[in-house]
Amino acid sequence: MLYFSTGPEEQKAKNLARNAHCALTTGRNSLTEGLDLIVEGTAEQVTDPARVEEVIAAYEAKYGAHITSPEGTFHGIGDAFRTGRAVVFAVEPDTAYGFGREGGLFTHTRWTF
């Protein structure tokens, strides 16, 4: 399961309300090395308080409680999730793609779940 967040009135949340199928991407800023990943699936808003707390714990374990300045969206992310100023979505992957770039070689892998 993959998790991400957004504001409840942000365009991302509005788009997901119309069509929950989405793609999550990650990669490096280098065109010559690394691995880019794209994961496709269906997003579902996480509303169970216990599960939200698990997501908060994971965010804060990795980033700390304050990712940005006090004016930023992710300052006090746990409280933003608890009060609804930010919402959490979970994605169960359907398909994933990996694009590798190493030593001048380019690879492409597809996984289905």
C-alpha atoms as a PDB file:
ATOM      1  CA  MET A   1       0.000   0.000   0.000  1.00  0.00           C
ATOM      2  CA  LEU A   2       1.290   3.472  -0.880  1.00  0.00           C
ATOM      3  CA  TYR A   3       0.133   6.672   0.802  1.00  0.00           C
ATOM      4  CA  PHE A   4       0.080  10.330  -0.168  1.00  0.00           C
ATOM      5  CA  SER A   5      -1.695  13.436   1.023  1.00  0.00           C
ATOM      6  CA  THR A   6      -3.224  16.638  -0.258  1.00  0.00           C
ATOM      7  CA  GLY A   7      -5.536  19.376   0.897  1.00  0.00           C
ATOM      8  CA  PRO A   8      -9.245  18.510   0.784  1.00  0.00           C
ATOM      9  CA  GLU A   9      -9.948  21.458  -1.544  1.00  0.00           C
ATOM     10  CA  GLU A  10      -6.863  20.995  -3.735  1.00  0.00           C
ATOM     11  CA  GLN A  11      -7.228  20.050  -7.390  1.00  0.00           C
ATOM     12  CA  LYS A  12      -5.715  16.618  -6.702  1.00  0.00           C
ATOM     13  CA  ALA A  13      -8.519  15.772  -4.238  1.00  0.00           C
ATOM     14  CA  LYS A  14     -11.154  17.084  -6.649  1.00  0.00           C
ATOM     15  CA  ASN A  15      -9.737  15.013  -9.522  1.00  0.00           C
ATOM     16  CA  LEU A  16      -9.667  11.867  -7.379  1.00  0.00           C
ATOM     17  CA  ALA A  17     -13.294  12.422  -6.375  1.00  0.00           C
ATOM     18  CA  ARG A  18     -14.213  12.244 -10.086  1.00  0.00           C
ATOM     19  CA  ASN A  19     -11.822   9.427 -11.039  1.00  0.00           C
ATOM     20  CA  ALA A  20      -9.822   7.575  -8.394  1.00  0.00           C
ATOM     21  CA  HIS A  21      -7.476   5.861 -10.881  1.00  0.00           C
ATOM     22  CA  CYS A  22      -4.072   7.520 -10.560  1.00  0.00           C
ATOM     23  CA  ALA A  23      -0.334   7.198 -11.101  1.00  0.00           C
ATOM     24  CA  LEU A  24       2.349   7.918  -8.512  1.00  0.00           C
ATOM     25  CA  THR A  25       5.864   8.709  -9.714  1.00  0.00           C
ATOM     26  CA  THR A  26       9.272   9.011  -8.153  1.00  0.00           C
ATOM     27  CA  GLY A  27      12.777   9.197  -9.474  1.00  0.00           C
ATOM     28  CA  ARG A  28      16.037  11.064  -9.511  1.00  0.00           C
ATOM     29  CA  ASN A  29      16.901  14.371 -11.127  1.00  0.00           C
ATOM     30  CA  SER A  30      19.713  12.741 -13.090  1.00  0.00           C
ATOM     31  CA  LEU A  31      19.196  11.715 -16.700  1.00  0.00           C
ATOM     32  CA  THR A  32      22.243   9.428 -16.605  1.00  0.00           C
ATOM     33  CA  GLU A  33      21.728   7.229 -13.531  1.00  0.00           C
ATOM     34  CA  GLY A  34      19.095   5.970 -11.162  1.00  0.00           C
ATOM     35  CA  LEU A  35      15.666   4.422 -11.326  1.00  0.00           C
ATOM     36  CA  ASP A  36      12.322   6.064 -12.027  1.00  0.00           C
ATOM     37  CA  LEU A  37       9.210   4.305 -10.748  1.00  0.00           C
ATOM     38  CA  ILE A  38       5.613   4.766 -11.815  1.00  0.00           C
ATOM     39  CA  VAL A  39       2.867   2.998  -9.874  1.00  0.00           C
ATOM     40  CA  GLU A  40      -0.706   2.892 -11.148  1.00  0.00           C
ATOM     41  CA  GLY A  41      -3.690   2.045  -8.996  1.00  0.00           C
ATOM     42  CA  THR A  42      -6.895   3.319  -7.468  1.00  0.00           C
ATOM     43  CA  ALA A  43      -6.731   5.867  -4.665  1.00  0.00           C
ATOM     44  CA  GLU A  44      -9.011   5.613  -1.661  1.00  0.00           C
ATOM     45  CA  GLN A  45      -9.229   8.246   1.050  1.00  0.00           C
ATOM     46  CA  VAL A  46      -8.102   6.920   4.421  1.00  0.00           C
ATOM     47  CA  THR A  47     -10.679   7.816   7.063  1.00  0.00           C
ATOM     48  CA  ASP A  48     -10.013   5.191   9.748  1.00  0.00           C
ATOM     49  CA  PRO A  49      -8.366   7.137  12.626  1.00  0.00           C
ATOM     50  CA  ALA A  50      -6.078   4.224  13.570  1.00  0.00           C
ATOM     51  CA  ARG A  51      -4.795   3.936  10.017  1.00  0.00           C
ATOM     52  CA  VAL A  52      -4.313   7.717   9.782  1.00  0.00           C
ATOM     53  CA  GLU A  53      -2.217   7.517  12.964  1.00  0.00           C
ATOM     54  CA  GLU A  54      -0.057   4.815  11.337  1.00  0.00           C
ATOM     55  CA  VAL A  55       0.531   7.116   8.358  1.00  0.00           C
ATOM     56  CA  ILE A  56       1.350  10.036  10.681  1.00  0.00           C
ATOM     57  CA  ALA A  57       3.871   7.869  12.544  1.00  0.00           C
ATOM     58  CA  ALA A  58       5.548   6.854   9.272  1.00  0.00           C
ATOM     59  CA  TYR A  59       5.721  10.482   8.007  1.00  0.00           C
ATOM     60  CA  GLU A  60       7.126  11.757  11.287  1.00  0.00           C
ATOM     61  CA  ALA A  61       9.625   8.885  11.594  1.00  0.00           C
ATOM     62  CA  LYS A  62      11.042   9.801   8.202  1.00  0.00           C
ATOM     63  CA  TYR A  63      10.663  13.593   8.077  1.00  0.00           C
ATOM     64  CA  GLY A  64      10.026  14.772  11.620  1.00  0.00           C
ATOM     65  CA  ALA A  65       6.905  16.586  12.757  1.00  0.00           C
ATOM     66  CA  HIS A  66       7.750  19.801  10.897  1.00  0.00           C
ATOM     67  CA  ILE A  67       8.776  19.346   7.282  1.00  0.00           C
ATOM     68  CA  THR A  68       8.450  23.043   6.370  1.00  0.00           C
ATOM     69  CA  SER A  69       8.218  26.457   7.960  1.00  0.00           C
ATOM     70  CA  PRO A  70       5.211  27.270  10.200  1.00  0.00           C
ATOM     71  CA  GLU A  71       3.433  28.827   7.194  1.00  0.00           C
ATOM     72  CA  GLY A  72       3.862  25.680   5.089  1.00  0.00           C
ATOM     73  CA  THR A  73       1.302  22.974   4.432  1.00  0.00           C
ATOM     74  CA  PHE A  74       3.380  20.217   5.971  1.00  0.00           C
ATOM     75  CA  HIS A  75       4.289  21.965   9.229  1.00  0.00           C
ATOM     76  CA  GLY A  76       2.687  19.849  11.934  1.00  0.00           C
ATOM     77  CA  ILE A  77       1.553  17.278   9.381  1.00  0.00           C
ATOM     78  CA  GLY A  78       0.071  14.999  12.029  1.00  0.00           C
ATOM     79  CA  ASP A  79      -2.242  17.723  13.302  1.00  0.00           C
ATOM     80  CA  ALA A  80      -3.165  18.649   9.717  1.00  0.00           C
ATOM     81  CA  PHE A  81      -4.258  15.041   9.123  1.00  0.00           C
ATOM     82  CA  ARG A  82      -6.128  14.830  12.427  1.00  0.00           C
ATOM     83  CA  THR A  83      -8.061  18.065  11.837  1.00  0.00           C
ATOM     84  CA  GLY A  84      -8.811  17.471   8.147  1.00  0.00           C
ATOM     85  CA  ARG A  85      -6.624  20.315   6.833  1.00  0.00           C
ATOM     86  CA  ALA A  86      -4.868  17.564   4.864  1.00  0.00           C
ATOM     87  CA  VAL A  87      -6.321  14.235   3.775  1.00  0.00           C
ATOM     88  CA  VAL A  88      -4.569  10.911   3.287  1.00  0.00           C
ATOM     89  CA  PHE A  89      -5.059   8.604   0.318  1.00  0.00           C
ATOM     90  CA  ALA A  90      -3.946   4.988  -0.046  1.00  0.00           C
ATOM     91  CA  VAL A  91      -3.162   3.332  -3.362  1.00  0.00           C
ATOM     92  CA  GLU A  92      -3.099  -0.415  -3.868  1.00  0.00           C
ATOM     93  CA  PRO A  93      -0.799  -0.894  -6.881  1.00  0.00           C
ATOM     94  CA  ASP A  94      -2.217  -2.533 -10.019  1.00  0.00           C
ATOM     95  CA  THR A  95       0.777  -1.999 -12.296  1.00  0.00           C
ATOM     96  CA  ALA A  96       4.249  -0.582 -11.762  1.00  0.00           C
ATOM     97  CA  TYR A  97       6.939   0.438 -14.223  1.00  0.00           C
ATOM     98  CA  GLY A  98      10.634   0.841 -13.562  1.00  0.00           C
ATOM     99  CA  PHE A  99      12.927   2.806 -15.864  1.00  0.00           C
ATOM    100  CA  GLY A 100      16.590   2.300 -15.091  1.00  0.00           C
ATOM    101  CA  ARG A 101      19.501   4.422 -16.293  1.00  0.00           C
ATOM    102  CA  GLU A 102      22.904   3.075 -15.381  1.00  0.00           C
ATOM    103  CA  GLY A 103      26.199   3.321 -17.250  1.00  0.00           C
ATOM    104  CA  GLY A 104      24.577   4.333 -20.520  1.00  0.00           C
ATOM    105  CA  LEU A 105      22.146   1.415 -20.423  1.00  0.00           C
ATOM    106  CA  PHE A 106      18.430   2.024 -20.257  1.00  0.00           C
ATOM    107  CA  THR A 107      16.053  -0.620 -18.973  1.00  0.00           C
ATOM    108  CA  HIS A 108      12.297  -0.920 -18.666  1.00  0.00           C
ATOM    109  CA  THR A 109      10.465  -3.335 -16.387  1.00  0.00           C
ATOM    110  CA  ARG A 110       6.734  -3.799 -15.835  1.00  0.00           C
ATOM    111  CA  TRP A 111       5.131  -5.489 -12.856  1.00  0.00           C
ATOM    112  CA  THR A 112       1.465  -6.381 -12.439  1.00  0.00           C
ATOM    113  CA  PHE A 113      -0.133  -7.174  -9.102  1.00  0.00           C
END
